[in-house]
C-alpha atoms as a PDB file:
ATOM      1  CA  MET A   1       0.983  -8.486 -23.224  1.00  0.00           C
ATOM      2  CA  LYS A   2       1.976  -4.829 -23.601  1.00  0.00           C
ATOM      3  CA  LYS A   3      -1.457  -4.108 -25.022  1.00  0.00           C
ATOM      4  CA  ASN A   4      -3.077  -5.874 -21.972  1.00  0.00           C
ATOM      5  CA  ARG A   5      -1.029  -3.889 -19.499  1.00  0.00           C
ATOM      6  CA  ILE A   6      -1.992  -0.649 -21.314  1.00  0.00           C
ATOM      7  CA  PHE A   7      -5.685  -1.697 -21.372  1.00  0.00           C
ATOM      8  CA  ASN A   8      -5.605  -2.674 -17.659  1.00  0.00           C
ATOM      9  CA  ALA A   9      -4.001   0.714 -16.717  1.00  0.00           C
ATOM     10  CA  VAL A  10      -6.640   2.641 -18.738  1.00  0.00           C
ATOM     11  CA  VAL A  11      -9.534   0.683 -17.169  1.00  0.00           C
ATOM     12  CA  ILE A  12      -8.082   1.245 -13.632  1.00  0.00           C
ATOM     13  CA  LEU A  13      -7.626   4.907 -14.280  1.00  0.00           C
ATOM     14  CA  GLY A  14     -11.143   5.281 -15.731  1.00  0.00           C
ATOM     15  CA  ALA A  15     -12.747   3.428 -12.910  1.00  0.00           C
ATOM     16  CA  SER A  16     -10.687   5.493 -10.476  1.00  0.00           C
ATOM     17  CA  VAL A  17     -11.832   8.775 -11.922  1.00  0.00           C
ATOM     18  CA  VAL A  18     -15.461   7.742 -11.590  1.00  0.00           C
ATOM     19  CA  VAL A  19     -15.029   6.640  -7.997  1.00  0.00           C
ATOM     20  CA  PHE A  20     -13.123   9.766  -7.087  1.00  0.00           C
ATOM     21  CA  VAL A  21     -15.801  12.070  -8.602  1.00  0.00           C
ATOM     22  CA  ILE A  22     -18.435  10.206  -6.592  1.00  0.00           C
ATOM     23  CA  LEU A  23     -16.527  10.248  -3.313  1.00  0.00           C
ATOM     24  CA  ALA A  24     -15.352  13.913  -3.707  1.00  0.00           C
ATOM     25  CA  ALA A  25     -18.879  15.005  -4.559  1.00  0.00           C
ATOM     26  CA  LEU A  26     -20.366  13.210  -1.496  1.00  0.00           C
ATOM     27  CA  GLN A  27     -17.786  14.811   0.744  1.00  0.00           C
ATOM     28  CA  TYR A  28     -18.350  18.327  -0.725  1.00  0.00           C
ATOM     29  CA  ILE A  29     -22.115  18.208  -0.312  1.00  0.00           C
ATOM     30  CA  GLY A  30     -21.923  16.783   3.122  1.00  0.00           C
ATOM     31  CA  VAL A  31     -23.170  13.255   2.650  1.00  0.00           C
ATOM     32  CA  ILE A  32     -19.829  12.013   3.770  1.00  0.00           C
ATOM     33  CA  ASP A  33     -18.964  14.136   6.759  1.00  0.00           C
ATOM     34  CA  GLU A  34     -15.552  15.596   7.681  1.00  0.00           C
ATOM     35  CA  TYR A  35     -14.776  12.635  10.138  1.00  0.00           C
ATOM     36  CA  ASN A  36     -15.477   9.908   7.543  1.00  0.00           C
ATOM     37  CA  GLY A  37     -13.612  11.992   4.901  1.00  0.00           C
ATOM     38  CA  GLN A  38     -10.579  11.832   7.176  1.00  0.00           C
ATOM     39  CA  LEU A  39     -10.864   8.221   7.565  1.00  0.00           C
ATOM     40  CA  LEU A  40     -11.088   7.751   3.779  1.00  0.00           C
ATOM     41  CA  THR A  41      -7.891   9.831   3.405  1.00  0.00           C
ATOM     42  CA  LEU A  42      -6.171   7.722   6.066  1.00  0.00           C
ATOM     43  CA  SER A  43      -7.385   4.570   4.320  1.00  0.00           C
ATOM     44  CA  GLY A  44      -5.592   5.755   1.110  1.00  0.00           C
ATOM     45  CA  ILE A  45      -2.394   6.184   2.966  1.00  0.00           C
ATOM     46  CA  TYR A  46      -2.646   2.717   4.369  1.00  0.00           C
ATOM     47  CA  ILE A  47      -3.292   1.417   0.885  1.00  0.00           C
ATOM     48  CA  VAL A  48       0.031   2.855  -0.371  1.00  0.00           C
ATOM     49  CA  VAL A  49       2.035   1.530   2.487  1.00  0.00           C
ATOM     50  CA  ALA A  50       0.321  -1.926   2.670  1.00  0.00           C
ATOM     51  CA  LEU A  51       0.714  -2.533  -1.065  1.00  0.00           C
ATOM     52  CA  SER A  52       4.419  -1.670  -0.751  1.00  0.00           C
ATOM     53  CA  LEU A  53       4.675  -4.463   1.948  1.00  0.00           C
ATOM     54  CA  ASN A  54       2.593  -6.855  -0.130  1.00  0.00           C
ATOM     55  CA  LEU A  55       5.077  -6.463  -2.927  1.00  0.00           C
ATOM     56  CA  ILE A  56       7.987  -7.818  -0.860  1.00  0.00           C
ATOM     57  CA  THR A  57       5.991 -10.178   1.412  1.00  0.00           C
ATOM     58  CA  GLY A  58       3.051 -11.303  -0.641  1.00  0.00           C
ATOM     59  CA  PHE A  59       4.490 -11.451  -4.213  1.00  0.00           C
ATOM     60  CA  THR A  60       8.236 -11.972  -3.452  1.00  0.00           C
ATOM     61  CA  GLY A  61       7.720 -14.211  -0.463  1.00  0.00           C
ATOM     62  CA  GLN A  62      10.196 -12.311   1.776  1.00  0.00           C
ATOM     63  CA  LEU A  63       8.883 -11.612   5.346  1.00  0.00           C
ATOM     64  CA  ALA A  64       9.672  -8.014   6.317  1.00  0.00           C
ATOM     65  CA  LEU A  65       8.595  -6.214   9.447  1.00  0.00           C
ATOM     66  CA  GLY A  66      10.380  -2.914   9.110  1.00  0.00           C
ATOM     67  CA  GLN A  67       8.010  -1.021   6.907  1.00  0.00           C
ATOM     68  CA  ALA A  68       7.370   1.675   9.433  1.00  0.00           C
ATOM     69  CA  GLY A  69      11.088   2.436   9.304  1.00  0.00           C
ATOM     70  CA  PHE A  70      10.884   3.270   5.510  1.00  0.00           C
ATOM     71  CA  MET A  71       7.719   5.290   6.284  1.00  0.00           C
ATOM     72  CA  SER A  72       9.599   7.328   8.876  1.00  0.00           C
ATOM     73  CA  VAL A  73      12.492   7.984   6.455  1.00  0.00           C
ATOM     74  CA  GLY A  74       9.967   9.234   3.767  1.00  0.00           C
ATOM     75  CA  ALA A  75       7.917  11.329   6.370  1.00  0.00           C
ATOM     76  CA  TYR A  76      10.911  13.038   7.917  1.00  0.00           C
ATOM     77  CA  THR A  77      12.578  13.684   4.570  1.00  0.00           C
ATOM     78  CA  THR A  78       9.476  15.075   3.039  1.00  0.00           C
ATOM     79  CA  ALA A  79       8.802  17.328   6.080  1.00  0.00           C
ATOM     80  CA  ILE A  80      12.403  18.626   6.268  1.00  0.00           C
ATOM     81  CA  ALA A  81      12.377  19.307   2.483  1.00  0.00           C
ATOM     82  CA  ILE A  82       9.215  21.337   2.764  1.00  0.00           C
ATOM     83  CA  MET A  83       9.978  23.199   6.061  1.00  0.00           C
ATOM     84  CA  LYS A  84      13.643  23.893   5.782  1.00  0.00           C
ATOM     85  CA  PHE A  85      14.374  23.941   1.987  1.00  0.00           C
ATOM     86  CA  HIS A  86      10.956  25.113   0.783  1.00  0.00           C
ATOM     87  CA  VAL A  87      10.719  22.269  -1.754  1.00  0.00           C
ATOM     88  CA  PRO A  88       7.314  21.986  -3.545  1.00  0.00           C
ATOM     89  CA  MET A  89       5.072  19.444  -1.825  1.00  0.00           C
ATOM     90  CA  LEU A  90       4.880  16.949  -4.776  1.00  0.00           C
ATOM     91  CA  LEU A  91       8.617  17.088  -5.323  1.00  0.00           C
ATOM     92  CA  ALA A  92       9.229  16.664  -1.557  1.00  0.00           C
ATOM     93  CA  ILE A  93       7.039  13.518  -1.423  1.00  0.00           C
ATOM     94  CA  LEU A  94       8.954  12.020  -4.330  1.00  0.00           C
ATOM     95  CA  ILE A  95      12.359  12.884  -2.728  1.00  0.00           C
ATOM     96  CA  GLY A  96      11.152  11.188   0.485  1.00  0.00           C
ATOM     97  CA  GLY A  97      10.373   8.034  -1.500  1.00  0.00           C
ATOM     98  CA  LEU A  98      13.824   8.227  -3.173  1.00  0.00           C
ATOM     99  CA  VAL A  99      15.677   8.518   0.078  1.00  0.00           C
ATOM    100  CA  ALA A 100      13.638   5.654   1.527  1.00  0.00           C
ATOM    101  CA  ALA A 101      14.631   3.656  -1.625  1.00  0.00           C
ATOM    102  CA  VAL A 102      18.289   4.438  -1.017  1.00  0.00           C
ATOM    103  CA  PHE A 103      17.903   3.027   2.413  1.00  0.00           C
ATOM    104  CA  GLY A 104      16.100   0.042   0.891  1.00  0.00           C
ATOM    105  CA  ILE A 105      19.160  -0.771  -1.254  1.00  0.00           C
ATOM    106  CA  ILE A 106      21.543  -0.299   1.715  1.00  0.00           C
ATOM    107  CA  ILE A 107      19.477  -2.641   3.819  1.00  0.00           C
ATOM    108  CA  GLY A 108      18.588  -4.925   1.091  1.00  0.00           C
ATOM    109  CA  PHE A 109      22.004  -6.120   0.018  1.00  0.00           C
ATOM    110  CA  PRO A 110      23.072  -7.586   3.258  1.00  0.00           C
ATOM    111  CA  THR A 111      19.726  -8.695   4.611  1.00  0.00           C
ATOM    112  CA  LEU A 112      18.020 -10.356   1.536  1.00  0.00           C
ATOM    113  CA  ARG A 113      20.475 -13.163   1.756  1.00  0.00           C
ATOM    114  CA  LEU A 114      18.548 -14.153   4.954  1.00  0.00           C
ATOM    115  CA  ARG A 115      15.177 -16.023   4.787  1.00  0.00           C
ATOM    116  CA  GLY A 116      12.159 -16.379   6.959  1.00  0.00           C
ATOM    117  CA  ASP A 117      12.345 -15.352  10.553  1.00  0.00           C
ATOM    118  CA  TYR A 118      15.957 -14.123  10.202  1.00  0.00           C
ATOM    119  CA  LEU A 119      14.929 -11.603   7.567  1.00  0.00           C
ATOM    120  CA  ALA A 120      11.979 -10.484   9.648  1.00  0.00           C
ATOM    121  CA  ILE A 121      14.188  -9.938  12.681  1.00  0.00           C
ATOM    122  CA  ALA A 122      16.737  -7.971  10.622  1.00  0.00           C
ATOM    123  CA  THR A 123      14.087  -5.678   9.085  1.00  0.00           C
ATOM    124  CA  LEU A 124      12.445  -5.141  12.471  1.00  0.00           C
ATOM    125  CA  GLY A 125      15.857  -4.144  13.772  1.00  0.00           C
ATOM    126  CA  PHE A 126      16.348  -1.658  10.961  1.00  0.00           C
ATOM    127  CA  GLY A 127      13.005  -0.017  11.946  1.00  0.00           C
ATOM    128  CA  GLU A 128      14.168   0.357  15.476  1.00  0.00           C
ATOM    129  CA  ILE A 129      17.525   1.712  14.479  1.00  0.00           C
ATOM    130  CA  ILE A 130      15.797   4.399  12.289  1.00  0.00           C
ATOM    131  CA  ARG A 131      13.502   5.356  15.161  1.00  0.00           C
ATOM    132  CA  VAL A 132      16.505   5.709  17.515  1.00  0.00           C
ATOM    133  CA  LEU A 133      18.311   7.838  14.935  1.00  0.00           C
ATOM    134  CA  MET A 134      15.310  10.169  14.577  1.00  0.00           C
ATOM    135  CA  ILE A 135      15.368  10.690  18.317  1.00  0.00           C
ATOM    136  CA  ASN A 136      19.095  11.515  18.416  1.00  0.00           C
ATOM    137  CA  LEU A 137      19.266  13.717  15.394  1.00  0.00           C
ATOM    138  CA  GLY A 138      17.541  16.577  17.300  1.00  0.00           C
ATOM    139  CA  SER A 139      18.874  19.396  15.168  1.00  0.00           C
ATOM    140  CA  LEU A 140      17.362  17.872  12.058  1.00  0.00           C
ATOM    141  CA  THR A 141      14.398  15.854  13.172  1.00  0.00           C
ATOM    142  CA  GLY A 142      13.334  17.655  16.342  1.00  0.00           C
ATOM    143  CA  GLY A 143      14.476  14.816  18.523  1.00  0.00           C
ATOM    144  CA  ALA A 144      11.941  13.124  20.880  1.00  0.00           C
ATOM    145  CA  ALA A 145       9.637  16.167  20.539  1.00  0.00           C
ATOM    146  CA  GLY A 146       9.533  15.648  16.773  1.00  0.00           C
ATOM    147  CA  LEU A 147       8.546  18.085  13.939  1.00  0.00           C
ATOM    148  CA  LYS A 148       5.577  20.375  14.303  1.00  0.00           C
ATOM    149  CA  GLY A 149       3.798  22.793  11.944  1.00  0.00           C
ATOM    150  CA  ILE A 150       4.277  20.728   8.721  1.00  0.00           C
ATOM    151  CA  PRO A 151       2.339  22.519   5.928  1.00  0.00           C
ATOM    152  CA  ALA A 152      -0.890  21.048   5.008  1.00  0.00           C
ATOM    153  CA  PHE A 153      -2.019  19.903   1.565  1.00  0.00           C
ATOM    154  CA  SER A 154      -3.940  23.151   1.275  1.00  0.00           C
ATOM    155  CA  GLU A 155      -4.143  26.460   3.147  1.00  0.00           C
ATOM    156  CA  THR A 156      -7.865  27.120   2.528  1.00  0.00           C
ATOM    157  CA  GLU A 157     -10.021  28.031   5.518  1.00  0.00           C
ATOM    158  CA  ASN A 158     -12.969  26.137   3.982  1.00  0.00           C
ATOM    159  CA  PHE A 159     -12.954  22.882   6.035  1.00  0.00           C
ATOM    160  CA  VAL A 160     -15.094  20.942   3.495  1.00  0.00           C
ATOM    161  CA  LEU A 161     -12.892  21.933   0.572  1.00  0.00           C
ATOM    162  CA  ASP A 162      -9.746  21.254   2.625  1.00  0.00           C
ATOM    163  CA  ALA A 163     -10.937  17.717   3.387  1.00  0.00           C
ATOM    164  CA  VAL A 164     -11.613  17.160  -0.325  1.00  0.00           C
ATOM    165  CA  ILE A 165      -8.135  18.480  -1.346  1.00  0.00           C
ATOM    166  CA  LYS A 166      -6.447  16.105   1.232  1.00  0.00           C
ATOM    167  CA  PHE A 167      -8.464  13.207  -0.067  1.00  0.00           C
ATOM    168  CA  SER A 168      -7.582  14.091  -3.619  1.00  0.00           C
ATOM    169  CA  TRP A 169      -3.838  14.059  -3.000  1.00  0.00           C
ATOM    170  CA  VAL A 170      -3.850  10.769  -1.245  1.00  0.00           C
ATOM    171  CA  TYR A 171      -6.347   9.191  -3.641  1.00  0.00           C
ATOM    172  CA  VAL A 172      -4.122  10.064  -6.617  1.00  0.00           C
ATOM    173  CA  PHE A 173      -1.132   8.452  -4.973  1.00  0.00           C
ATOM    174  CA  ALA A 174      -3.109   5.346  -4.030  1.00  0.00           C
ATOM    175  CA  VAL A 175      -4.374   4.855  -7.597  1.00  0.00           C
ATOM    176  CA  ILE A 176      -0.868   5.260  -9.030  1.00  0.00           C
ATOM    177  CA  THR A 177       0.553   2.754  -6.524  1.00  0.00           C
ATOM    178  CA  ILE A 178      -2.180   0.260  -7.602  1.00  0.00           C
ATOM    179  CA  VAL A 179      -1.482   0.749 -11.288  1.00  0.00           C
ATOM    180  CA  ILE A 180       2.326   0.350 -10.652  1.00  0.00           C
ATOM    181  CA  ILE A 181       1.943  -2.908  -8.619  1.00  0.00           C
ATOM    182  CA  SER A 182      -0.673  -4.281 -10.980  1.00  0.00           C
ATOM    183  CA  ASN A 183       1.362  -3.691 -14.173  1.00  0.00           C
ATOM    184  CA  LEU A 184       4.535  -4.961 -12.466  1.00  0.00           C
ATOM    185  CA  ILE A 185       3.000  -8.219 -11.451  1.00  0.00           C
ATOM    186  CA  ASN A 186       1.522  -8.872 -14.859  1.00  0.00           C
ATOM    187  CA  SER A 187       4.878  -8.093 -16.561  1.00  0.00           C
ATOM    188  CA  SER A 188       7.904 -10.375 -17.161  1.00  0.00           C
ATOM    189  CA  PRO A 189       9.795  -9.080 -14.128  1.00  0.00           C
ATOM    190  CA  GLY A 190       6.618  -9.534 -12.079  1.00  0.00           C
ATOM    191  CA  ARG A 191       6.495 -13.265 -13.106  1.00  0.00           C
ATOM    192  CA  ALA A 192      10.104 -13.588 -12.087  1.00  0.00           C
ATOM    193  CA  ILE A 193       9.337 -12.092  -8.687  1.00  0.00           C
ATOM    194  CA  ILE A 194       6.451 -14.412  -8.188  1.00  0.00           C
ATOM    195  CA  SER A 195       8.539 -17.456  -9.166  1.00  0.00           C
ATOM    196  CA  ILE A 196      11.009 -16.570  -6.362  1.00  0.00           C
ATOM    197  CA  ARG A 197       8.057 -16.803  -3.900  1.00  0.00           C
ATOM    198  CA  GLU A 198       6.894 -20.145  -5.254  1.00  0.00           C
ATOM    199  CA  ASP A 199      10.253 -21.958  -5.523  1.00  0.00           C
ATOM    200  CA  GLU A 200      13.487 -19.985  -5.195  1.00  0.00           C
ATOM    201  CA  ILE A 201      15.771 -22.921  -6.104  1.00  0.00           C
ATOM    202  CA  ALA A 202      13.636 -23.782  -9.259  1.00  0.00           C
ATOM    203  CA  ALA A 203      13.604 -20.035 -10.250  1.00  0.00           C
ATOM    204  CA  ASN A 204      17.416 -19.905  -9.968  1.00  0.00           C
ATOM    205  CA  SER A 205      17.773 -23.036 -12.075  1.00  0.00           C
ATOM    206  CA  MET A 206      15.676 -21.440 -14.805  1.00  0.00           C
ATOM    207  CA  GLY A 207      18.125 -18.651 -15.106  1.00  0.00           C
ATOM    208  CA  ILE A 208      16.243 -15.972 -12.981  1.00  0.00           C
ATOM    209  CA  ASN A 209      18.586 -13.509 -11.272  1.00  0.00           C
ATOM    210  CA  ILE A 210      17.280 -14.061  -7.711  1.00  0.00           C
ATOM    211  CA  ALA A 211      19.474 -11.383  -6.079  1.00  0.00           C
ATOM    212  CA  TYR A 212      18.584  -8.743  -8.645  1.00  0.00           C
ATOM    213  CA  TYR A 213      14.761  -9.141  -8.372  1.00  0.00           C
ATOM    214  CA  LYS A 214      14.877  -9.375  -4.578  1.00  0.00           C
ATOM    215  CA  ILE A 215      16.704  -6.102  -4.458  1.00  0.00           C
ATOM    216  CA  PHE A 216      14.420  -4.597  -7.068  1.00  0.00           C
ATOM    217  CA  SER A 217      11.266  -5.434  -5.252  1.00  0.00           C
ATOM    218  CA  PHE A 218      12.693  -4.376  -1.883  1.00  0.00           C
ATOM    219  CA  THR A 219      13.849  -1.079  -3.257  1.00  0.00           C
ATOM    220  CA  LEU A 220      10.485  -0.401  -4.958  1.00  0.00           C
ATOM    221  CA  SER A 221       8.709  -1.532  -1.779  1.00  0.00           C
ATOM    222  CA  ALA A 222      10.907   1.033   0.290  1.00  0.00           C
ATOM    223  CA  PHE A 223      10.161   3.807  -2.241  1.00  0.00           C
ATOM    224  CA  LEU A 224       6.383   3.342  -2.057  1.00  0.00           C
ATOM    225  CA  ALA A 225       6.566   3.049   1.798  1.00  0.00           C
ATOM    226  CA  GLY A 226       8.564   6.366   1.827  1.00  0.00           C
ATOM    227  CA  VAL A 227       5.916   8.025  -0.381  1.00  0.00           C
ATOM    228  CA  GLY A 228       3.184   6.790   2.074  1.00  0.00           C
ATOM    229  CA  GLY A 229       5.161   8.134   4.984  1.00  0.00           C
ATOM    230  CA  GLY A 230       5.494  11.530   3.278  1.00  0.00           C
ATOM    231  CA  LEU A 231       1.753  11.613   2.763  1.00  0.00           C
ATOM    232  CA  TYR A 232       1.175  10.558   6.358  1.00  0.00           C
ATOM    233  CA  GLY A 233       3.482  13.325   7.706  1.00  0.00           C
ATOM    234  CA  ILE A 234       1.624  16.034   5.752  1.00  0.00           C
ATOM    235  CA  TYR A 235      -1.754  14.601   6.623  1.00  0.00           C
ATOM    236  CA  MET A 236      -1.022  14.490  10.386  1.00  0.00           C
ATOM    237  CA  GLY A 237       0.705  17.942  10.376  1.00  0.00           C
ATOM    238  CA  TYR A 238       3.467  16.756  12.790  1.00  0.00           C
ATOM    239  CA  LEU A 239       5.876  13.913  13.298  1.00  0.00           C
ATOM    240  CA  ASN A 240       7.114  11.996  16.314  1.00  0.00           C
ATOM    241  CA  PRO A 241       9.428   9.017  16.528  1.00  0.00           C
ATOM    242  CA  THR A 242       6.893   7.060  18.457  1.00  0.00           C
ATOM    243  CA  MET A 243       4.572   7.152  15.542  1.00  0.00           C
ATOM    244  CA  PHE A 244       6.824   4.703  13.614  1.00  0.00           C
ATOM    245  CA  GLY A 245       7.600   1.983  16.294  1.00  0.00           C
ATOM    246  CA  PHE A 246       6.798  -1.678  16.347  1.00  0.00           C
ATOM    247  CA  MET A 247       3.077  -1.551  16.458  1.00  0.00           C
ATOM    248  CA  PRO A 248       2.600   0.522  13.192  1.00  0.00           C
ATOM    249  CA  SER A 249       4.791  -2.154  11.297  1.00  0.00           C
ATOM    250  CA  MET A 250       2.686  -4.908  12.720  1.00  0.00           C
ATOM    251  CA  ASN A 251      -0.559  -2.996  11.755  1.00  0.00           C
ATOM    252  CA  ILE A 252       0.683  -2.909   8.180  1.00  0.00           C
ATOM    253  CA  VAL A 253       1.501  -6.661   8.313  1.00  0.00           C
ATOM    254  CA  VAL A 254      -2.001  -7.332   9.707  1.00  0.00           C
ATOM    255  CA  ILE A 255      -3.618  -5.372   6.738  1.00  0.00           C
ATOM    256  CA  VAL A 256      -1.622  -7.473   4.118  1.00  0.00           C
ATOM    257  CA  VAL A 257      -2.435 -10.776   5.954  1.00  0.00           C
ATOM    258  CA  LEU A 258      -6.069  -9.864   6.376  1.00  0.00           C
ATOM    259  CA  GLY A 259      -6.476  -8.961   2.783  1.00  0.00           C
ATOM    260  CA  GLY A 260      -4.527 -11.886   1.405  1.00  0.00           C
ATOM    261  CA  LEU A 261      -0.831 -12.319   0.579  1.00  0.00           C
ATOM    262  CA  GLY A 262      -0.439 -11.514  -3.015  1.00  0.00           C
ATOM    263  CA  SER A 263      -3.841  -9.817  -3.527  1.00  0.00           C
ATOM    264  CA  ILE A 264      -3.962  -6.250  -4.587  1.00  0.00           C
ATOM    265  CA  THR A 265      -7.802  -6.065  -4.248  1.00  0.00           C
ATOM    266  CA  GLY A 266      -7.625  -7.746  -0.812  1.00  0.00           C
ATOM    267  CA  THR A 267      -5.093  -5.220   0.369  1.00  0.00           C
ATOM    268  CA  VAL A 268      -7.228  -2.216  -0.817  1.00  0.00           C
ATOM    269  CA  VAL A 269     -10.365  -3.815   0.871  1.00  0.00           C
ATOM    270  CA  ALA A 270      -8.423  -4.642   4.077  1.00  0.00           C
ATOM    271  CA  SER A 271      -6.842  -1.103   4.361  1.00  0.00           C
ATOM    272  CA  VAL A 272     -10.290   0.552   4.336  1.00  0.00           C
ATOM    273  CA  ALA A 273     -11.734  -2.076   6.753  1.00  0.00           C
ATOM    274  CA  PHE A 274      -8.809  -1.904   9.156  1.00  0.00           C
ATOM    275  CA  THR A 275      -8.972   1.953   9.344  1.00  0.00           C
ATOM    276  CA  TYR A 276     -12.734   1.978  10.106  1.00  0.00           C
ATOM    277  CA  ILE A 277     -12.552  -1.007  12.545  1.00  0.00           C
ATOM    278  CA  GLN A 278      -9.775   0.666  14.483  1.00  0.00           C
ATOM    279  CA  GLU A 279     -11.917   3.784  14.868  1.00  0.00           C
ATOM    280  CA  TRP A 280     -15.045   1.853  15.877  1.00  0.00           C
ATOM    281  CA  LEU A 281     -13.212  -0.067  18.586  1.00  0.00           C
ATOM    282  CA  ARG A 282     -11.834   3.211  20.194  1.00  0.00           C
ATOM    283  CA  VAL A 283     -14.922   3.272  22.365  1.00  0.00           C
ATOM    284  CA  PHE A 284     -13.787   0.194  24.126  1.00  0.00           C
ATOM    285  CA  LYS A 285     -10.466   1.843  25.020  1.00  0.00           C
ATOM    286  CA  ASP A 286      -7.874  -0.879  26.204  1.00  0.00           C
ATOM    287  CA  LEU A 287     -10.376  -3.676  25.379  1.00  0.00           C
ATOM    288  CA  ARG A 288     -10.153  -2.765  21.703  1.00  0.00           C
ATOM    289  CA  LEU A 289      -6.914  -4.621  21.391  1.00  0.00           C
ATOM    290  CA  VAL A 290      -8.364  -7.721  22.836  1.00  0.00           C
ATOM    291  CA  ILE A 291     -11.421  -7.570  20.597  1.00  0.00           C
ATOM    292  CA  PHE A 292      -9.348  -6.812  17.533  1.00  0.00           C
ATOM    293  CA  GLY A 293      -7.010  -9.758  18.281  1.00  0.00           C
ATOM    294  CA  LEU A 294      -9.967 -12.126  18.679  1.00  0.00           C
ATOM    295  CA  ALA A 295     -11.403 -10.943  15.394  1.00  0.00           C
ATOM    296  CA  LEU A 296      -8.088 -11.657  13.647  1.00  0.00           C
ATOM    297  CA  ILE A 297      -7.955 -15.152  15.176  1.00  0.00           C
ATOM    298  CA  LEU A 298     -11.360 -15.913  13.823  1.00  0.00           C
ATOM    299  CA  VAL A 299     -10.402 -14.582  10.418  1.00  0.00           C
ATOM    300  CA  MET A 300      -7.260 -16.840  10.397  1.00  0.00           C
ATOM    301  CA  ILE A 301      -9.314 -19.885  11.461  1.00  0.00           C
ATOM    302  CA  PHE A 302     -12.076 -19.458   8.893  1.00  0.00           C
ATOM    303  CA  TRP A 303     -10.074 -17.619   6.126  1.00  0.00           C
ATOM    304  CA  PRO A 304      -6.489 -18.684   6.606  1.00  0.00           C
ATOM    305  CA  LYS A 305      -5.536 -17.190   3.180  1.00  0.00           C
ATOM    306  CA  GLY A 306      -7.151 -13.847   4.032  1.00  0.00           C
ATOM    307  CA  LEU A 307     -10.352 -12.219   2.830  1.00  0.00           C
ATOM    308  CA  LEU A 308      -9.641 -12.781  -0.932  1.00  0.00           C
ATOM    309  CA  GLY A 309      -6.617 -15.061  -0.714  1.00  0.00           C
ATOM    310  CA  ASN A 310      -4.610 -14.386  -3.889  1.00  0.00           C
ATOM    311  CA  LYS A 311      -7.627 -13.630  -6.015  1.00  0.00           C
ATOM    312  CA  GLU A 312      -8.312 -10.329  -7.824  1.00  0.00           C
ATOM    313  CA  LEU A 313     -11.426  -8.519  -8.809  1.00  0.00           C
ATOM    314  CA  SER A 314     -10.451  -7.552 -12.314  1.00  0.00           C
ATOM    315  CA  ILE A 315     -12.597  -4.786 -13.993  1.00  0.00           C
ATOM    316  CA  SER A 316     -10.638  -5.150 -17.185  1.00  0.00           C
ATOM    317  CA  GLY A 317     -11.236  -8.927 -17.270  1.00  0.00           C
ATOM    318  CA  PHE A 318     -15.032  -8.323 -16.789  1.00  0.00           C
ATOM    319  CA  LEU A 319     -15.092  -5.775 -19.662  1.00  0.00           C
ATOM    320  CA  ARG A 320     -13.213  -8.110 -21.951  1.00  0.00           C
ATOM    321  CA  LYS A 321     -15.748 -10.950 -21.316  1.00  0.00           C
ATOM    322  CA  LEU A 322     -18.651  -8.459 -21.746  1.00  0.00           C
ATOM    323  CA  PHE A 323     -17.304  -7.167 -25.095  1.00  0.00           C
ATOM    324  CA  LYS A 324     -16.686 -10.739 -26.406  1.00  0.00           C
ATOM    325  CA  ARG A 325     -20.299 -11.601 -25.580  1.00  0.00           C
ATOM    326  CA  GLU A 326     -21.583  -8.610 -27.331  1.00  0.00           C
ATOM    327  CA  ASN A 327     -19.448  -9.084 -30.399  1.00  0.00           C
ATOM    328  CA  ASN A 328     -20.223 -12.731 -30.678  1.00  0.00           C
ATOM    329  CA  PRO A 329     -24.005 -13.187 -29.663  1.00  0.00           C
ATOM    330  CA  GLU A 330     -24.565 -15.935 -32.272  1.00  0.00           C
ATOM    331  CA  ARG A 331     -21.688 -17.980 -30.834  1.00  0.00           C
ATOM    332  CA  THR A 332     -23.100 -17.645 -27.343  1.00  0.00           C
ATOM    333  CA  VAL A 333     -26.523 -18.826 -28.530  1.00  0.00           C
ATOM    334  CA  SER A 334     -25.032 -21.810 -30.445  1.00  0.00           C
ATOM    335  CA  GLN A 335     -23.056 -22.795 -27.286  1.00  0.00           C
ATOM    336  CA  GLN A 336     -26.205 -22.712 -25.206  1.00  0.00           C
ATOM    337  CA  ASN A 337     -28.096 -24.758 -27.795  1.00  0.00           C
ATOM    338  CA  GLY A 338     -25.255 -27.273 -27.995  1.00  0.00           C
ATOM    339  CA  SER A 339     -25.232 -27.722 -24.289  1.00  0.00           C
ATOM    340  CA  ARG A 340     -28.990 -28.268 -24.253  1.00  0.00           C
ATOM    341  CA  GLU A 341     -28.739 -30.965 -27.006  1.00  0.00           C
ATOM    342  CA  GLY A 342     -25.946 -32.682 -25.088  1.00  0.00           C
ATOM    343  CA  LYS A 343     -28.249 -33.014 -22.154  1.00  0.00           C
END
């Protein structure tokens, strides 16, 4: 099992390097223009945050609607650490995630005893409380005006290189998030988390510590959302409490449901699709919400489990099958001959 997880991580990292080189090169030579490069970077941030929600909702089976609250904690903490305490950017992003994780523990203990709609309402209330706190802590957060002048990922005046550097930062964090979630789900704790989603009573009867794994997944989810919020704040260059209201939380839920609850691949695909569809529909102004809503209704009618359901596109699994076929060509031929004789 451990060897499989290591192999999966190596394959994901190898494929990620290849994809990164291709996308970065296309941006640098101008095939992907600055506008689409910005959308790719924003898609990467959505991947981090949406995977954090999928961990608690898709894999653990707990409906949470306050992910934007954890994003705001991570975003403001990161920005304050950089601007007021001159903390290095990487460390500031991790600190933002850790502070969001602390809030996750604080919120998780009392609320994870709730289920279904009650938990959703409680987490939604948490998001609104955080937003109000950000408005009222004016000396620290800038109040309703927010924080401006957050240092960018790079200070270069070359716009093309600047876009590539932004994309590189976000891409690395997105890949790390995918590796973390993938390895977790394929481990023993991951199986315990999934068993809670399938049947909480049965999991408890088998000796699984329900409370521990709920708190663990909720805290890790909050940490990743905080990291995504930190990346988002640096990417935007400013922060405002209205950026983390009800609609951003619902957008993240839409991405997870659209991609498929419990599907890492689906979440990645849906994050990219959602980012581009949102931009394409801006030409319709207010009608874009109606069009987007109708599109979601059609998806839920024809694909109720999302685009990929709970399926995964496994590169490592494909490579294993390919290597087995190459190492055992005679066995493959004999199997084909046997099937012909049977016919």
